[in-house]
Structures are given as structure tokens and as C-alpha cells.
C-alpha atoms as a PDB file:
ATOM      1  CA  UNK A   1       0.000   0.000   0.000  1.00  0.00           C
ATOM      2  CA  UNK A   2       2.760   2.485   0.859  1.00  0.00           C
ATOM      3  CA  UNK A   3       4.482   2.098  -2.501  1.00  0.00           C
ATOM      4  CA  UNK A   4       1.159   3.020  -4.098  1.00  0.00           C
ATOM      5  CA  UNK A   5       1.093   6.190  -1.998  1.00  0.00           C
ATOM      6  CA  UNK A   6       4.681   6.948  -2.913  1.00  0.00           C
ATOM      7  CA  UNK A   7       3.996   6.435  -6.600  1.00  0.00           C
ATOM      8  CA  UNK A   8       0.984   8.758  -6.386  1.00  0.00           C
ATOM      9  CA  UNK A   9       3.175  11.412  -4.774  1.00  0.00           C
ATOM     10  CA  UNK A  10       5.785  11.072  -7.503  1.00  0.00           C
ATOM     11  CA  UNK A  11       3.145  11.090 -10.223  1.00  0.00           C
ATOM     12  CA  UNK A  12       1.435  14.140  -8.777  1.00  0.00           C
ATOM     13  CA  UNK A  13       4.759  15.959  -8.529  1.00  0.00           C
ATOM     14  CA  UNK A  14       5.508  15.253 -12.173  1.00  0.00           C
ATOM     15  CA  UNK A  15       2.051  16.035 -13.585  1.00  0.00           C
ATOM     16  CA  UNK A  16       0.707  18.957 -11.615  1.00  0.00           C
ATOM     17  CA  UNK A  17       3.504  21.136 -10.347  1.00  0.00           C
ATOM     18  CA  UNK A  18       1.490  24.356 -10.031  1.00  0.00           C
ATOM     19  CA  UNK A  19      -1.996  23.066  -9.216  1.00  0.00           C
ATOM     20  CA  UNK A  20      -2.950  23.849  -5.574  1.00  0.00           C
ATOM     21  CA  UNK A  21      -5.220  20.823  -5.280  1.00  0.00           C
ATOM     22  CA  UNK A  22      -2.438  18.491  -6.452  1.00  0.00           C
ATOM     23  CA  UNK A  23      -0.032  20.022  -3.949  1.00  0.00           C
ATOM     24  CA  UNK A  24      -2.560  19.452  -1.157  1.00  0.00           C
ATOM     25  CA  UNK A  25      -3.041  15.824  -2.247  1.00  0.00           C
ATOM     26  CA  UNK A  26       0.727  15.315  -2.173  1.00  0.00           C
ATOM     27  CA  UNK A  27       0.950  16.695   1.358  1.00  0.00           C
ATOM     28  CA  UNK A  28      -1.807  14.322   2.479  1.00  0.00           C
ATOM     29  CA  UNK A  29      -0.184  11.325   0.776  1.00  0.00           C
ATOM     30  CA  UNK A  30       3.236  12.097   2.229  1.00  0.00           C
ATOM     31  CA  UNK A  31       1.701  12.355   5.699  1.00  0.00           C
ATOM     32  CA  UNK A  32       1.030   8.594   5.553  1.00  0.00           C
ATOM     33  CA  UNK A  33       4.700   7.727   4.988  1.00  0.00           C
ATOM     34  CA  UNK A  34       7.596   7.910   7.457  1.00  0.00           C
ATOM     35  CA  UNK A  35       9.841  10.949   7.233  1.00  0.00           C
ATOM     36  CA  UNK A  36      12.091  10.767   4.193  1.00  0.00           C
ATOM     37  CA  UNK A  37      15.699  11.909   4.083  1.00  0.00           C
ATOM     38  CA  UNK A  38      16.003  11.306   0.338  1.00  0.00           C
ATOM     39  CA  UNK A  39      15.351  13.827  -2.402  1.00  0.00           C
ATOM     40  CA  UNK A  40      12.562  13.121  -4.874  1.00  0.00           C
ATOM     41  CA  UNK A  41      15.230  12.541  -7.513  1.00  0.00           C
ATOM     42  CA  UNK A  42      16.945   9.923  -5.337  1.00  0.00           C
ATOM     43  CA  UNK A  43      13.606   8.231  -4.662  1.00  0.00           C
ATOM     44  CA  UNK A  44      12.749   8.064  -8.359  1.00  0.00           C
ATOM     45  CA  UNK A  45      16.200   6.742  -9.262  1.00  0.00           C
ATOM     46  CA  UNK A  46      16.097   3.988  -6.641  1.00  0.00           C
ATOM     47  CA  UNK A  47      12.568   2.960  -7.627  1.00  0.00           C
ATOM     48  CA  UNK A  48      13.514   2.766 -11.297  1.00  0.00           C
ATOM     49  CA  UNK A  49      16.874   1.030 -10.853  1.00  0.00           C
ATOM     50  CA  UNK A  50      16.402  -1.099  -7.745  1.00  0.00           C
ATOM     51  CA  UNK A  51      12.737  -1.303  -6.796  1.00  0.00           C
ATOM     52  CA  UNK A  52      10.539  -0.842  -3.777  1.00  0.00           C
ATOM     53  CA  UNK A  53      12.431  -3.012  -1.271  1.00  0.00           C
ATOM     54  CA  UNK A  54      15.698  -1.221  -1.950  1.00  0.00           C
ATOM     55  CA  UNK A  55      13.981   2.127  -1.593  1.00  0.00           C
ATOM     56  CA  UNK A  56      12.670   1.210   1.846  1.00  0.00           C
ATOM     57  CA  UNK A  57      16.067  -0.123   2.917  1.00  0.00           C
ATOM     58  CA  UNK A  58      17.815   3.024   1.700  1.00  0.00           C
ATOM     59  CA  UNK A  59      15.212   5.204   3.398  1.00  0.00           C
ATOM     60  CA  UNK A  60      15.819   3.275   6.624  1.00  0.00           C
ATOM     61  CA  UNK A  61      19.600   3.533   6.302  1.00  0.00           C
ATOM     62  CA  UNK A  62      19.492   7.242   5.556  1.00  0.00           C
ATOM     63  CA  UNK A  63      17.133   7.944   8.473  1.00  0.00           C
ATOM     64  CA  UNK A  64      19.472   6.075  10.835  1.00  0.00           C
ATOM     65  CA  UNK A  65      22.446   7.929   9.376  1.00  0.00           C
ATOM     66  CA  UNK A  66      20.657  11.205  10.159  1.00  0.00           C
ATOM     67  CA  UNK A  67      19.977  10.073  13.724  1.00  0.00           C
ATOM     68  CA  UNK A  68      16.257   9.441  13.245  1.00  0.00           C
ATOM     69  CA  UNK A  69      15.979   5.873  14.536  1.00  0.00           C
ATOM     70  CA  UNK A  70      12.188   6.087  14.705  1.00  0.00           C
ATOM     71  CA  UNK A  71      11.876   6.766  10.970  1.00  0.00           C
ATOM     72  CA  UNK A  72      14.560   4.151  10.349  1.00  0.00           C
ATOM     73  CA  UNK A  73      12.455   1.463  12.017  1.00  0.00           C
ATOM     74  CA  UNK A  74       9.290   2.702  10.310  1.00  0.00           C
ATOM     75  CA  UNK A  75      10.910   2.386   6.871  1.00  0.00           C
ATOM     76  CA  UNK A  76      12.415  -1.005   7.714  1.00  0.00           C
ATOM     77  CA  UNK A  77       8.994  -2.246   8.788  1.00  0.00           C
ATOM     78  CA  UNK A  78       7.763  -1.628   5.237  1.00  0.00           C
ATOM     79  CA  UNK A  79      10.206  -4.216   3.873  1.00  0.00           C
ATOM     80  CA  UNK A  80       9.602  -7.944   3.604  1.00  0.00           C
ATOM     81  CA  UNK A  81      12.075  -9.210   6.196  1.00  0.00           C
ATOM     82  CA  UNK A  82      13.045 -12.888   5.991  1.00  0.00           C
ATOM     83  CA  UNK A  83      11.474 -15.108   8.640  1.00  0.00           C
ATOM     84  CA  UNK A  84      14.776 -15.701  10.433  1.00  0.00           C
ATOM     85  CA  UNK A  85      15.335 -11.929  10.633  1.00  0.00           C
ATOM     86  CA  UNK A  86      11.931 -11.464  12.234  1.00  0.00           C
ATOM     87  CA  UNK A  87      12.697 -14.247  14.722  1.00  0.00           C
ATOM     88  CA  UNK A  88      15.972 -12.521  15.574  1.00  0.00           C
ATOM     89  CA  UNK A  89      14.232  -9.165  15.897  1.00  0.00           C
ATOM     90  CA  UNK A  90      11.720 -10.735  18.265  1.00  0.00           C
ATOM     91  CA  UNK A  91      14.537 -12.119  20.408  1.00  0.00           C
ATOM     92  CA  UNK A  92      16.458  -8.845  20.489  1.00  0.00           C
ATOM     93  CA  UNK A  93      13.662  -6.248  20.612  1.00  0.00           C
ATOM     94  CA  UNK A  94      10.625  -8.282  21.662  1.00  0.00           C
ATOM     95  CA  UNK A  95       7.253  -9.102  20.156  1.00  0.00           C
ATOM     96  CA  UNK A  96       5.716  -5.762  21.122  1.00  0.00           C
ATOM     97  CA  UNK A  97       8.383  -3.969  19.092  1.00  0.00           C
ATOM     98  CA  UNK A  98       7.398  -5.928  15.973  1.00  0.00           C
ATOM     99  CA  UNK A  99       3.741  -5.160  16.625  1.00  0.00           C
ATOM    100  CA  UNK A 100       4.424  -1.481  17.337  1.00  0.00           C
ATOM    101  CA  UNK A 101       6.009  -0.974  13.929  1.00  0.00           C
ATOM    102  CA  UNK A 102       3.605  -3.348  12.205  1.00  0.00           C
ATOM    103  CA  UNK A 103       6.274  -5.526  10.583  1.00  0.00           C
ATOM    104  CA  UNK A 104       4.801  -7.941   8.040  1.00  0.00           C
ATOM    105  CA  UNK A 105       4.830 -11.365   9.733  1.00  0.00           C
ATOM    106  CA  UNK A 106       2.835 -13.296   7.112  1.00  0.00           C
ATOM    107  CA  UNK A 107       5.694 -15.597   6.071  1.00  0.00           C
ATOM    108  CA  UNK A 108       6.880 -16.059   9.663  1.00  0.00           C
ATOM    109  CA  UNK A 109       3.318 -16.971  10.672  1.00  0.00           C
ATOM    110  CA  UNK A 110       3.369 -19.689   7.998  1.00  0.00           C
ATOM    111  CA  UNK A 111       6.799 -20.972   9.005  1.00  0.00           C
ATOM    112  CA  UNK A 112       6.543 -20.753  12.810  1.00  0.00           C
ATOM    113  CA  UNK A 113       2.783 -21.080  13.178  1.00  0.00           C
ATOM    114  CA  UNK A 114       0.125 -18.528  13.946  1.00  0.00           C
ATOM    115  CA  UNK A 115       0.796 -16.974  17.324  1.00  0.00           C
ATOM    116  CA  UNK A 116       4.574 -17.511  17.221  1.00  0.00           C
ATOM    117  CA  UNK A 117       5.085 -13.869  18.054  1.00  0.00           C
ATOM    118  CA  UNK A 118       3.320 -14.203  21.411  1.00  0.00           C
ATOM    119  CA  UNK A 119       5.022 -17.431  22.471  1.00  0.00           C
END
């Protein structure tokens, strides 16, 4: 869902640069994403060359680099972490941390069983 929002923001920026309504829509769409430390040009380049997952990872890395750990975790939570990474994250940070940031646990639920996070 978030990549759809991001694509709408990029599309709106490209199509309607001077339209007030488009600018308002962009502000609303951006409000649903974590804080970005990348320029729109960097975002477009990463999406074109590397794809959505790489964009989220780079957003996370850049946020951490800028000292914004909260945004770093929010961007990382948008990625599809491998099941073993989620299990490690649970061990290190706890189940509530994974729930707080709404990490996608679909594959881990399949591998470890529904409710693995609370065990």
C-alpha cells in the first residue's frame, strides 16, 4: 500500500507542479509515509533502478544515518524481512516492538505457526 502512496506522490509531482489541489493531495499522501531523508530525484532513481524493497532499505539507512531511529524502524517495517530476521528481531527487541512498527509477519506466521510472536 505504501508504494502506491509513494507512486501517487511522484506522479502528482511530475504532472501537476502548479496546481494547488495536487499540492494538497501530495501533502496528504506524504503524511502517511515515514519521514524521508532522500530527495525526490533519489527516490525516483532507486525505484527505477532497484525497486521498492531497496527504496525502503535506503530510506531506513538514511534515516538512521541522520539520527532518526524512529523513521529508520518505520521504513524497515515496510520491507519484507526474511522469517529468520523477524525471529531474531523478536529475540532482540521483543514481540511488542514488531507489533508497534507493524512488521509484516505473514511468512513467519506460515513458518513458525500462527501466534509464534506471542510465544
